[in-house]
Amino acid sequence: MGLNVGDMAPAVAIPGGGGAGIDLSALKGRKVVIYFYPKADTPGCTQEAKDFTDLKAEFEATDTTVIGISRDPAKALDRFQAKHGLGVALGSDEDGKVVESYGVWVEKSMYGKAYMGIERATFLIDREGRIAHIWPKVKVKGHAAEVLAAAKAL
């Protein structure tokens, strides 16, 4: 990952679910959690999205917006949100520019085959647009609660 705590967060201006756009610059003055996940409607990604959704009110109480980003098309994100009743914003980075700018588009390996994919990672961005915390190679269990604790402390 090429980004460090204290760096300005790279720009994000992508389509979101429900036809809404997601623009990080419009959220300046709020804290923002951006979590990157490999693919909508897979077990780990679904659990992560549900965990963040379950804590949405608590994130909002700390003036924090949560955004999930994958390379899935916006229509797939709409289906994902509807199927699982997800309440967090989901962004579609089909061209991969955002995942590359955050350093989460990496070479992965499965069954001895190398391929490119999204490394599950989360970034907490402060009110000025600087990266306050980075969680690389996220394990889903307990992660949303850990991010909430960091957002409360910020």
C-alpha atoms as a PDB file:
ATOM      1  CA  MET A   1       0.000   0.000   0.000  1.00  0.00           C
ATOM      2  CA  GLY A   2       1.442   3.345  -1.021  1.00  0.00           C
ATOM      3  CA  LEU A   3      -0.605   5.538   1.341  1.00  0.00           C
ATOM      4  CA  ASN A   4       0.320   6.396   4.905  1.00  0.00           C
ATOM      5  CA  VAL A   5      -1.396   7.907   7.906  1.00  0.00           C
ATOM      6  CA  GLY A   6      -1.250  11.687   7.499  1.00  0.00           C
ATOM      7  CA  ASP A   7      -1.465  11.606   3.688  1.00  0.00           C
ATOM      8  CA  MET A   8      -4.313  13.426   1.982  1.00  0.00           C
ATOM      9  CA  ALA A   9      -6.938  10.895   0.933  1.00  0.00           C
ATOM     10  CA  PRO A  10      -7.081  10.414  -2.846  1.00  0.00           C
ATOM     11  CA  ALA A  11     -10.165  11.812  -4.575  1.00  0.00           C
ATOM     12  CA  VAL A  12     -13.212   9.620  -4.912  1.00  0.00           C
ATOM     13  CA  ALA A  13     -15.939  10.564  -7.403  1.00  0.00           C
ATOM     14  CA  ILE A  14     -17.763   7.431  -8.544  1.00  0.00           C
ATOM     15  CA  PRO A  15     -21.292   6.174  -9.157  1.00  0.00           C
ATOM     16  CA  GLY A  16     -23.080   4.725  -6.187  1.00  0.00           C
ATOM     17  CA  GLY A  17     -25.983   2.424  -5.614  1.00  0.00           C
ATOM     18  CA  GLY A  18     -29.455   3.765  -6.309  1.00  0.00           C
ATOM     19  CA  GLY A  19     -28.126   6.135  -8.965  1.00  0.00           C
ATOM     20  CA  ALA A  20     -26.482   8.391  -6.376  1.00  0.00           C
ATOM     21  CA  GLY A  21     -22.935   9.545  -6.864  1.00  0.00           C
ATOM     22  CA  ILE A  22     -20.245   9.336  -4.212  1.00  0.00           C
ATOM     23  CA  ASP A  23     -17.910  12.316  -4.018  1.00  0.00           C
ATOM     24  CA  LEU A  24     -15.401  12.446  -1.172  1.00  0.00           C
ATOM     25  CA  SER A  25     -14.884  16.206  -1.596  1.00  0.00           C
ATOM     26  CA  ALA A  26     -18.575  16.780  -0.761  1.00  0.00           C
ATOM     27  CA  LEU A  27     -17.972  15.139   2.634  1.00  0.00           C
ATOM     28  CA  LYS A  28     -15.193  17.479   3.776  1.00  0.00           C
ATOM     29  CA  GLY A  29     -15.833  18.505   7.366  1.00  0.00           C
ATOM     30  CA  ARG A  30     -17.093  14.994   8.240  1.00  0.00           C
ATOM     31  CA  LYS A  31     -15.115  11.910   9.120  1.00  0.00           C
ATOM     32  CA  VAL A  32     -15.298   9.221   6.435  1.00  0.00           C
ATOM     33  CA  VAL A  33     -14.703   5.491   6.531  1.00  0.00           C
ATOM     34  CA  ILE A  34     -13.919   3.954   3.153  1.00  0.00           C
ATOM     35  CA  TYR A  35     -13.795   0.195   3.152  1.00  0.00           C
ATOM     36  CA  PHE A  36     -12.737  -1.717   0.058  1.00  0.00           C
ATOM     37  CA  TYR A  37     -14.161  -5.173  -0.528  1.00  0.00           C
ATOM     38  CA  PRO A  38     -13.531  -7.703  -3.330  1.00  0.00           C
ATOM     39  CA  LYS A  39     -17.026  -8.585  -4.599  1.00  0.00           C
ATOM     40  CA  ALA A  40     -20.632  -7.849  -3.709  1.00  0.00           C
ATOM     41  CA  ASP A  41     -22.815 -10.673  -2.449  1.00  0.00           C
ATOM     42  CA  THR A  42     -19.985 -13.006  -1.443  1.00  0.00           C
ATOM     43  CA  PRO A  43     -19.971 -14.291   2.152  1.00  0.00           C
ATOM     44  CA  GLY A  44     -17.193 -12.141   3.634  1.00  0.00           C
ATOM     45  CA  CYS A  45     -18.223  -9.005   1.781  1.00  0.00           C
ATOM     46  CA  THR A  46     -21.859  -9.473   2.757  1.00  0.00           C
ATOM     47  CA  GLN A  47     -20.965  -9.904   6.424  1.00  0.00           C
ATOM     48  CA  GLU A  48     -18.732  -6.840   6.380  1.00  0.00           C
ATOM     49  CA  ALA A  49     -21.467  -4.712   4.780  1.00  0.00           C
ATOM     50  CA  LYS A  50     -24.031  -5.995   7.298  1.00  0.00           C
ATOM     51  CA  ASP A  51     -21.695  -5.232  10.201  1.00  0.00           C
ATOM     52  CA  PHE A  52     -21.169  -1.649   9.027  1.00  0.00           C
ATOM     53  CA  THR A  53     -24.936  -1.312   8.416  1.00  0.00           C
ATOM     54  CA  ASP A  54     -25.693  -2.555  11.948  1.00  0.00           C
ATOM     55  CA  LEU A  55     -23.449   0.205  13.345  1.00  0.00           C
ATOM     56  CA  LYS A  56     -24.579   2.943  10.928  1.00  0.00           C
ATOM     57  CA  ALA A  57     -26.468   4.961  13.573  1.00  0.00           C
ATOM     58  CA  GLU A  58     -23.431   4.886  15.863  1.00  0.00           C
ATOM     59  CA  PHE A  59     -21.156   6.031  13.026  1.00  0.00           C
ATOM     60  CA  GLU A  60     -23.615   8.834  12.210  1.00  0.00           C
ATOM     61  CA  ALA A  61     -23.619   9.875  15.898  1.00  0.00           C
ATOM     62  CA  THR A  62     -19.844  10.414  15.604  1.00  0.00           C
ATOM     63  CA  ASP A  63     -20.332  12.488  12.409  1.00  0.00           C
ATOM     64  CA  THR A  64     -18.845   9.690  10.305  1.00  0.00           C
ATOM     65  CA  THR A  65     -19.992   8.549   6.859  1.00  0.00           C
ATOM     66  CA  VAL A  66     -19.307   4.938   5.848  1.00  0.00           C
ATOM     67  CA  ILE A  67     -18.699   4.050   2.192  1.00  0.00           C
ATOM     68  CA  GLY A  68     -17.984   0.616   0.762  1.00  0.00           C
ATOM     69  CA  ILE A  69     -16.181   0.447  -2.606  1.00  0.00           C
ATOM     70  CA  SER A  70     -15.715  -2.447  -5.022  1.00  0.00           C
ATOM     71  CA  ARG A  71     -15.306  -2.828  -8.766  1.00  0.00           C
ATOM     72  CA  ASP A  72     -18.845  -4.177  -9.132  1.00  0.00           C
ATOM     73  CA  PRO A  73     -21.171  -2.287 -11.500  1.00  0.00           C
ATOM     74  CA  ALA A  74     -23.697   0.065  -9.848  1.00  0.00           C
ATOM     75  CA  LYS A  75     -26.620  -2.218 -10.796  1.00  0.00           C
ATOM     76  CA  ALA A  76     -24.962  -5.128  -8.954  1.00  0.00           C
ATOM     77  CA  LEU A  77     -24.590  -2.860  -5.915  1.00  0.00           C
ATOM     78  CA  ASP A  78     -28.307  -2.000  -6.071  1.00  0.00           C
ATOM     79  CA  ARG A  79     -29.169  -5.716  -6.019  1.00  0.00           C
ATOM     80  CA  PHE A  80     -26.679  -6.322  -3.197  1.00  0.00           C
ATOM     81  CA  GLN A  81     -28.145  -3.511  -1.075  1.00  0.00           C
ATOM     82  CA  ALA A  82     -31.744  -4.594  -1.689  1.00  0.00           C
ATOM     83  CA  LYS A  83     -31.121  -8.298  -1.101  1.00  0.00           C
ATOM     84  CA  HIS A  84     -29.423  -7.748   2.266  1.00  0.00           C
ATOM     85  CA  GLY A  85     -31.103  -4.515   3.443  1.00  0.00           C
ATOM     86  CA  LEU A  86     -27.782  -2.666   3.521  1.00  0.00           C
ATOM     87  CA  GLY A  87     -27.813   0.887   4.810  1.00  0.00           C
ATOM     88  CA  VAL A  88     -24.294   2.052   4.005  1.00  0.00           C
ATOM     89  CA  ALA A  89     -23.355   3.825   0.792  1.00  0.00           C
ATOM     90  CA  LEU A  90     -21.752   1.583  -1.828  1.00  0.00           C
ATOM     91  CA  GLY A  91     -19.613   2.906  -4.667  1.00  0.00           C
ATOM     92  CA  SER A  92     -18.819   1.363  -8.038  1.00  0.00           C
ATOM     93  CA  ASP A  93     -15.209   1.724  -9.196  1.00  0.00           C
ATOM     94  CA  GLU A  94     -15.573  -0.239 -12.436  1.00  0.00           C
ATOM     95  CA  ASP A  95     -12.539   1.343 -14.102  1.00  0.00           C
ATOM     96  CA  GLY A  96     -10.361   0.656 -11.040  1.00  0.00           C
ATOM     97  CA  LYS A  97      -8.928   4.164 -10.672  1.00  0.00           C
ATOM     98  CA  VAL A  98      -9.939   4.528  -7.024  1.00  0.00           C
ATOM     99  CA  VAL A  99      -8.733   1.084  -5.926  1.00  0.00           C
ATOM    100  CA  GLU A 100      -5.412   1.773  -7.621  1.00  0.00           C
ATOM    101  CA  SER A 101      -5.059   5.223  -6.028  1.00  0.00           C
ATOM    102  CA  TYR A 102      -5.624   3.682  -2.582  1.00  0.00           C
ATOM    103  CA  GLY A 103      -3.166   0.864  -3.300  1.00  0.00           C
ATOM    104  CA  VAL A 104      -5.677  -1.946  -2.771  1.00  0.00           C
ATOM    105  CA  TRP A 105      -5.592  -3.380  -6.320  1.00  0.00           C
ATOM    106  CA  VAL A 106      -3.019  -6.104  -5.762  1.00  0.00           C
ATOM    107  CA  GLU A 107      -1.828  -9.440  -7.057  1.00  0.00           C
ATOM    108  CA  LYS A 108      -3.539 -12.262  -5.226  1.00  0.00           C
ATOM    109  CA  SER A 109      -3.235 -16.010  -5.440  1.00  0.00           C
ATOM    110  CA  MET A 110      -5.781 -18.806  -5.226  1.00  0.00           C
ATOM    111  CA  TYR A 111      -5.062 -22.473  -5.814  1.00  0.00           C
ATOM    112  CA  GLY A 112      -1.638 -21.535  -7.163  1.00  0.00           C
ATOM    113  CA  LYS A 113      -3.041 -19.107  -9.759  1.00  0.00           C
ATOM    114  CA  ALA A 114      -2.076 -15.445  -9.615  1.00  0.00           C
ATOM    115  CA  TYR A 115      -4.686 -12.809 -10.428  1.00  0.00           C
ATOM    116  CA  MET A 116      -5.385  -9.142  -9.699  1.00  0.00           C
ATOM    117  CA  GLY A 117      -8.027  -8.244  -7.140  1.00  0.00           C
ATOM    118  CA  ILE A 118      -9.025  -5.947  -4.311  1.00  0.00           C
ATOM    119  CA  GLU A 119      -7.287  -6.428  -0.991  1.00  0.00           C
ATOM    120  CA  ARG A 120      -9.867  -5.952   1.764  1.00  0.00           C
ATOM    121  CA  ALA A 121      -8.751  -2.725   3.470  1.00  0.00           C
ATOM    122  CA  THR A 122     -10.298   0.193   5.358  1.00  0.00           C
ATOM    123  CA  PHE A 123      -9.309   3.852   5.628  1.00  0.00           C
ATOM    124  CA  LEU A 124     -10.519   6.344   8.245  1.00  0.00           C
ATOM    125  CA  ILE A 125     -10.323   9.896   6.926  1.00  0.00           C
ATOM    126  CA  ASP A 126     -10.441  12.917   9.229  1.00  0.00           C
ATOM    127  CA  ARG A 127     -12.498  16.100   8.761  1.00  0.00           C
ATOM    128  CA  GLU A 128      -9.687  17.767   6.792  1.00  0.00           C
ATOM    129  CA  GLY A 129      -9.401  14.910   4.306  1.00  0.00           C
ATOM    130  CA  ARG A 130      -6.274  13.285   5.752  1.00  0.00           C
ATOM    131  CA  ILE A 131      -5.920   9.574   6.364  1.00  0.00           C
ATOM    132  CA  ALA A 132      -6.123   9.042  10.120  1.00  0.00           C
ATOM    133  CA  HIS A 133      -5.979   5.239  10.231  1.00  0.00           C
ATOM    134  CA  ILE A 134      -5.421   2.353   7.799  1.00  0.00           C
ATOM    135  CA  TRP A 135      -6.461  -1.257   8.284  1.00  0.00           C
ATOM    136  CA  PRO A 136      -4.744  -3.402   5.601  1.00  0.00           C
ATOM    137  CA  LYS A 137      -5.646  -7.047   4.947  1.00  0.00           C
ATOM    138  CA  VAL A 138      -8.820  -6.826   7.010  1.00  0.00           C
ATOM    139  CA  LYS A 139     -10.358  -9.816   8.734  1.00  0.00           C
ATOM    140  CA  VAL A 140     -14.134  -9.241   8.810  1.00  0.00           C
ATOM    141  CA  LYS A 141     -15.035 -10.493  12.297  1.00  0.00           C
ATOM    142  CA  GLY A 142     -15.121  -7.540  14.710  1.00  0.00           C
ATOM    143  CA  HIS A 143     -13.712  -5.122  12.149  1.00  0.00           C
ATOM    144  CA  ALA A 144     -16.640  -2.674  11.931  1.00  0.00           C
ATOM    145  CA  ALA A 145     -16.667  -2.283  15.726  1.00  0.00           C
ATOM    146  CA  GLU A 146     -12.901  -1.635  15.720  1.00  0.00           C
ATOM    147  CA  VAL A 147     -13.334   1.060  13.049  1.00  0.00           C
ATOM    148  CA  LEU A 148     -16.193   2.620  15.043  1.00  0.00           C
ATOM    149  CA  ALA A 149     -13.968   2.827  18.139  1.00  0.00           C
ATOM    150  CA  ALA A 150     -11.286   4.610  16.094  1.00  0.00           C
ATOM    151  CA  ALA A 151     -13.867   7.015  14.616  1.00  0.00           C
ATOM    152  CA  LYS A 152     -15.138   7.848  18.113  1.00  0.00           C
ATOM    153  CA  ALA A 153     -11.568   8.524  19.280  1.00  0.00           C
ATOM    154  CA  LEU A 154     -10.805  10.817  16.320  1.00  0.00           C
END
